[in-house]
C-alpha atoms as a PDB file:
ATOM      1  CA  UNK A   1       0.000   0.000   0.000  1.00  0.00           C
ATOM      2  CA  UNK A   2       1.289   3.468  -0.855  1.00  0.00           C
ATOM      3  CA  UNK A   3       1.517   6.027   1.928  1.00  0.00           C
ATOM      4  CA  UNK A   4       2.097   9.769   1.961  1.00  0.00           C
ATOM      5  CA  UNK A   5       3.972  10.707   5.119  1.00  0.00           C
ATOM      6  CA  UNK A   6       6.643  12.979   6.537  1.00  0.00           C
ATOM      7  CA  UNK A   7      10.303  11.976   6.451  1.00  0.00           C
ATOM      8  CA  UNK A   8      12.720  13.797   8.731  1.00  0.00           C
ATOM      9  CA  UNK A   9      15.735  15.447   7.156  1.00  0.00           C
ATOM     10  CA  UNK A  10      18.092  18.061   8.540  1.00  0.00           C
ATOM     11  CA  UNK A  11      20.694  18.181  11.267  1.00  0.00           C
ATOM     12  CA  UNK A  12      20.414  17.479  14.959  1.00  0.00           C
ATOM     13  CA  UNK A  13      18.310  20.157  16.703  1.00  0.00           C
ATOM     14  CA  UNK A  14      17.360  21.617  13.303  1.00  0.00           C
ATOM     15  CA  UNK A  15      14.412  19.547  12.065  1.00  0.00           C
ATOM     16  CA  UNK A  16      13.039  19.713   8.566  1.00  0.00           C
ATOM     17  CA  UNK A  17      10.683  17.290   6.893  1.00  0.00           C
ATOM     18  CA  UNK A  18       9.876  16.037   3.400  1.00  0.00           C
ATOM     19  CA  UNK A  19       6.448  14.854   2.380  1.00  0.00           C
ATOM     20  CA  UNK A  20       7.150  11.646   0.468  1.00  0.00           C
ATOM     21  CA  UNK A  21       5.212   8.925  -1.300  1.00  0.00           C
ATOM     22  CA  UNK A  22       6.501   5.544  -0.161  1.00  0.00           C
ATOM     23  CA  UNK A  23       5.477   1.946   0.233  1.00  0.00           C
ATOM     24  CA  UNK A  24       4.042   1.365   3.708  1.00  0.00           C
ATOM     25  CA  UNK A  25       6.476  -1.507   4.289  1.00  0.00           C
ATOM     26  CA  UNK A  26       9.479   0.878   4.100  1.00  0.00           C
ATOM     27  CA  UNK A  27      10.447   2.407   7.404  1.00  0.00           C
ATOM     28  CA  UNK A  28      10.579   6.174   7.690  1.00  0.00           C
ATOM     29  CA  UNK A  29      14.352   6.149   8.239  1.00  0.00           C
ATOM     30  CA  UNK A  30      15.171   3.805   5.355  1.00  0.00           C
ATOM     31  CA  UNK A  31      15.272   6.731   2.932  1.00  0.00           C
ATOM     32  CA  UNK A  32      13.439   4.840   0.177  1.00  0.00           C
ATOM     33  CA  UNK A  33      10.584   6.703  -1.465  1.00  0.00           C
ATOM     34  CA  UNK A  34       8.953   7.038  -4.861  1.00  0.00           C
ATOM     35  CA  UNK A  35       8.356  10.780  -5.092  1.00  0.00           C
ATOM     36  CA  UNK A  36       8.933  13.954  -3.073  1.00  0.00           C
ATOM     37  CA  UNK A  37       5.616  15.748  -2.628  1.00  0.00           C
ATOM     38  CA  UNK A  38       6.701  18.775  -0.615  1.00  0.00           C
ATOM     39  CA  UNK A  39       8.575  20.096   2.400  1.00  0.00           C
ATOM     40  CA  UNK A  40       7.785  21.304   5.905  1.00  0.00           C
ATOM     41  CA  UNK A  41      10.073  23.461   8.043  1.00  0.00           C
ATOM     42  CA  UNK A  42       8.689  23.736  11.586  1.00  0.00           C
ATOM     43  CA  UNK A  43      11.186  26.386  12.762  1.00  0.00           C
ATOM     44  CA  UNK A  44      10.285  28.788   9.972  1.00  0.00           C
ATOM     45  CA  UNK A  45       6.655  27.612   9.841  1.00  0.00           C
ATOM     46  CA  UNK A  46       6.863  27.000   6.091  1.00  0.00           C
ATOM     47  CA  UNK A  47       4.862  24.304   4.317  1.00  0.00           C
ATOM     48  CA  UNK A  48       5.296  23.742   0.596  1.00  0.00           C
ATOM     49  CA  UNK A  49       3.216  20.828  -0.661  1.00  0.00           C
ATOM     50  CA  UNK A  50       2.518  19.938  -4.298  1.00  0.00           C
ATOM     51  CA  UNK A  51      -1.253  19.776  -3.933  1.00  0.00           C
ATOM     52  CA  UNK A  52      -1.902  18.589  -7.489  1.00  0.00           C
ATOM     53  CA  UNK A  53       0.441  15.600  -7.108  1.00  0.00           C
ATOM     54  CA  UNK A  54      -0.974  14.771  -3.656  1.00  0.00           C
ATOM     55  CA  UNK A  55      -4.556  14.754  -4.927  1.00  0.00           C
ATOM     56  CA  UNK A  56      -3.441  12.613  -7.887  1.00  0.00           C
ATOM     57  CA  UNK A  57      -1.870   9.969  -5.640  1.00  0.00           C
ATOM     58  CA  UNK A  58      -4.791  10.022  -3.195  1.00  0.00           C
ATOM     59  CA  UNK A  59      -7.133   9.412  -6.130  1.00  0.00           C
ATOM     60  CA  UNK A  60      -4.947   6.425  -7.104  1.00  0.00           C
ATOM     61  CA  UNK A  61      -5.409   4.950  -3.604  1.00  0.00           C
ATOM     62  CA  UNK A  62      -2.476   6.284  -1.571  1.00  0.00           C
ATOM     63  CA  UNK A  63      -3.211   6.652   2.143  1.00  0.00           C
ATOM     64  CA  UNK A  64      -2.262   9.748   4.170  1.00  0.00           C
ATOM     65  CA  UNK A  65      -0.610   9.617   7.565  1.00  0.00           C
ATOM     66  CA  UNK A  66      -2.611  11.382  10.277  1.00  0.00           C
ATOM     67  CA  UNK A  67      -0.215  14.343  10.429  1.00  0.00           C
ATOM     68  CA  UNK A  68      -0.222  14.796   6.656  1.00  0.00           C
ATOM     69  CA  UNK A  69      -4.029  14.566   6.697  1.00  0.00           C
ATOM     70  CA  UNK A  70      -4.163  17.407   9.259  1.00  0.00           C
ATOM     71  CA  UNK A  71      -1.758  19.575   7.213  1.00  0.00           C
ATOM     72  CA  UNK A  72      -3.814  19.121   4.052  1.00  0.00           C
ATOM     73  CA  UNK A  73      -7.131  19.803   5.810  1.00  0.00           C
ATOM     74  CA  UNK A  74      -5.620  22.993   7.270  1.00  0.00           C
ATOM     75  CA  UNK A  75      -4.473  24.131   3.804  1.00  0.00           C
ATOM     76  CA  UNK A  76      -7.873  23.120   2.326  1.00  0.00           C
ATOM     77  CA  UNK A  77      -6.277  20.691  -0.161  1.00  0.00           C
ATOM     78  CA  UNK A  78      -8.662  17.967   1.016  1.00  0.00           C
ATOM     79  CA  UNK A  79     -12.019  18.092   2.785  1.00  0.00           C
ATOM     80  CA  UNK A  80     -12.620  16.571   6.204  1.00  0.00           C
ATOM     81  CA  UNK A  81     -12.052  16.909   9.905  1.00  0.00           C
ATOM     82  CA  UNK A  82      -8.656  16.882  11.583  1.00  0.00           C
ATOM     83  CA  UNK A  83      -7.572  13.679  13.314  1.00  0.00           C
ATOM     84  CA  UNK A  84      -6.203  13.447  16.836  1.00  0.00           C
ATOM     85  CA  UNK A  85      -2.541  12.488  16.553  1.00  0.00           C
ATOM     86  CA  UNK A  86      -1.696  12.776  20.252  1.00  0.00           C
ATOM     87  CA  UNK A  87      -1.280   9.547  22.200  1.00  0.00           C
ATOM     88  CA  UNK A  88      -4.201   8.487  24.352  1.00  0.00           C
ATOM     89  CA  UNK A  89      -3.525   8.832  28.058  1.00  0.00           C
ATOM     90  CA  UNK A  90      -4.200   5.901  30.311  1.00  0.00           C
ATOM     91  CA  UNK A  91      -5.672   6.688  33.725  1.00  0.00           C
ATOM     92  CA  UNK A  92      -3.285   6.448  36.629  1.00  0.00           C
ATOM     93  CA  UNK A  93      -3.877   3.522  38.962  1.00  0.00           C
ATOM     94  CA  UNK A  94      -3.257   4.008  42.663  1.00  0.00           C
ATOM     95  CA  UNK A  95      -1.127   1.470  44.509  1.00  0.00           C
ATOM     96  CA  UNK A  96      -4.007   0.199  46.615  1.00  0.00           C
ATOM     97  CA  UNK A  97      -6.053  -0.571  43.522  1.00  0.00           C
ATOM     98  CA  UNK A  98      -3.040  -2.204  41.877  1.00  0.00           C
ATOM     99  CA  UNK A  99      -2.472  -4.489  44.869  1.00  0.00           C
ATOM    100  CA  UNK A 100      -6.186  -5.323  44.966  1.00  0.00           C
ATOM    101  CA  UNK A 101      -6.062  -6.455  41.344  1.00  0.00           C
ATOM    102  CA  UNK A 102      -3.238  -8.896  42.070  1.00  0.00           C
END
């Protein structure tokens, strides 16, 4: 399955990201991708995505990562609601309850 996701580039403490089209079986750090679809620089706040190429690949069946989905909804490239990308918090269990479970 093809995926559109962010790939980190740049030096230590100076993050920059590429939006790439890759096979979902490739890891993000492998460096293998099919096409560069844009860039994102969080320090400068710049996003440059090729919206025509992204819509083409989405129409061909490529899936978006949650973060890429949120970027494209914000820039009105695609329609929809933003997705929650933050991890779900688990409730803290007190020691007494933990001992009672055992």
